[in-house]
Amino acid sequence: MGNKVIKNNNFRAYALATSLYGGVSIFGPLLVLAGGGYFLDKYFQTGRLFLFIGIGLAFIVTNVLLYRRAFSIMKEMEKDLPPKPEEEDDFKDF
């Protein structure tokens, strides 16, 4: 696998780092955006309008961050895959 941590067989550290990244990418945007929405609601006295907008934006940001991380992990794993065998073409003689 492409990552040096994985090459060193330190799977526990890699799993922990990935889990921490997942937690931070979920709770970070939620705290910042929903917290900002809460304070905007208090300032403008709008009930819970900005709070729900902040939660919706946090959901979008979280999904983008997790998608990017999953995509980068897949690219790292593809680096160490053996090359694909060439497919035999049964009709190349025709």
Protein backbone atom coordinates (compact mmCIF):
# COMPACT_ATOMS: atom_id res chain seq x y z
CA MET A 1 0.00 0.00 0.00
CA GLY A 2 1.26 3.39 -0.96
CA ASN A 3 1.40 5.02 2.45
CA LYS A 4 4.66 4.69 4.42
CA VAL A 5 2.69 3.92 7.57
CA ILE A 6 1.06 0.96 5.88
CA LYS A 7 4.38 -0.22 4.41
CA ASN A 8 5.77 -0.34 7.94
CA ASN A 9 2.87 -2.61 8.95
CA ASN A 10 1.67 -0.07 11.46
CA PHE A 11 -1.99 -0.58 10.65
CA ARG A 12 -3.20 0.46 14.09
CA ALA A 13 -1.65 3.92 13.76
CA TYR A 14 -3.07 4.32 10.25
CA ALA A 15 -6.53 3.27 11.41
CA LEU A 16 -6.34 5.65 14.36
CA ALA A 17 -5.27 8.54 12.15
CA THR A 18 -8.08 7.84 9.71
CA SER A 19 -10.62 7.65 12.53
CA LEU A 20 -9.39 10.90 14.03
CA TYR A 21 -9.58 12.59 10.65
CA GLY A 22 -13.15 11.35 10.28
CA GLY A 23 -14.13 12.66 13.70
CA VAL A 24 -12.54 16.04 13.16
CA SER A 25 -14.04 16.39 9.69
CA ILE A 26 -17.50 15.71 11.14
CA PHE A 27 -17.39 17.71 14.36
CA GLY A 28 -15.19 20.58 13.17
CA PRO A 29 -17.60 21.95 10.54
CA LEU A 30 -20.56 21.18 12.77
CA LEU A 31 -19.16 23.17 15.69
CA VAL A 32 -18.00 26.08 13.55
CA LEU A 33 -20.98 26.42 11.22
CA ALA A 34 -23.77 25.45 13.61
CA GLY A 35 -22.13 27.51 16.38
CA GLY A 36 -21.92 30.47 14.03
CA GLY A 37 -25.56 29.98 13.11
CA TYR A 38 -26.51 29.88 16.78
CA PHE A 39 -24.76 33.17 17.47
CA LEU A 40 -26.28 34.77 14.36
CA ASP A 41 -29.71 33.66 15.55
CA LYS A 42 -29.09 35.29 18.92
CA TYR A 43 -27.78 38.48 17.31
CA PHE A 44 -30.57 38.88 14.73
CA GLN A 45 -33.25 37.21 16.92
CA THR A 46 -34.34 34.90 14.10
CA GLY A 47 -35.27 31.83 16.11
CA ARG A 48 -33.34 28.85 14.71
CA LEU A 49 -33.02 29.83 11.06
CA PHE A 50 -29.24 30.31 10.93
CA LEU A 51 -28.67 27.31 13.19
CA PHE A 52 -30.35 24.99 10.68
CA ILE A 53 -28.57 26.66 7.77
CA GLY A 54 -25.27 26.09 9.60
CA ILE A 55 -26.12 22.44 10.20
CA GLY A 56 -26.98 21.99 6.52
CA LEU A 57 -23.74 23.62 5.41
CA ALA A 58 -21.79 21.50 7.91
CA PHE A 59 -23.38 18.38 6.41
CA ILE A 60 -22.24 19.39 2.93
CA VAL A 61 -18.71 20.30 4.05
CA THR A 62 -18.39 17.06 6.01
CA ASN A 63 -19.41 14.94 3.03
CA VAL A 64 -16.93 16.72 0.77
CA LEU A 65 -14.09 16.22 3.27
CA LEU A 66 -14.87 12.53 3.80
CA TYR A 67 -15.23 11.90 0.07
CA ARG A 68 -11.86 13.50 -0.63
CA ARG A 69 -10.21 11.41 2.10
CA ALA A 70 -11.78 8.17 0.87
CA PHE A 71 -10.69 8.97 -2.69
CA SER A 72 -7.11 9.64 -1.58
CA ILE A 73 -7.02 6.34 0.35
CA MET A 74 -8.26 4.48 -2.73
CA LYS A 75 -5.56 6.10 -4.87
CA GLU A 76 -2.90 5.08 -2.33
CA MET A 77 -4.14 1.50 -2.36
CA GLU A 78 -4.19 1.35 -6.16
CA LYS A 79 -0.48 2.23 -6.30
CA ASP A 80 0.50 -1.11 -4.79
CA LEU A 81 -1.87 -3.32 -6.74
CA PRO A 82 -0.17 -5.66 -9.18
CA PRO A 83 -0.58 -4.63 -12.82
CA LYS A 84 -3.68 -5.93 -14.48
CA PRO A 85 -3.05 -8.87 -16.79
CA GLU A 86 -3.73 -8.08 -20.40
CA GLU A 87 -7.05 -9.43 -21.50
CA GLU A 88 -6.88 -12.02 -24.21
CA ASP A 89 -8.61 -10.97 -27.35
CA ASP A 90 -10.30 -14.01 -28.82
CA PHE A 91 -11.14 -12.17 -32.00
CA LYS A 92 -7.75 -10.66 -32.82
CA ASP A 93 -7.11 -13.21 -35.57
CA PHE A 94 -10.25 -12.30 -37.49
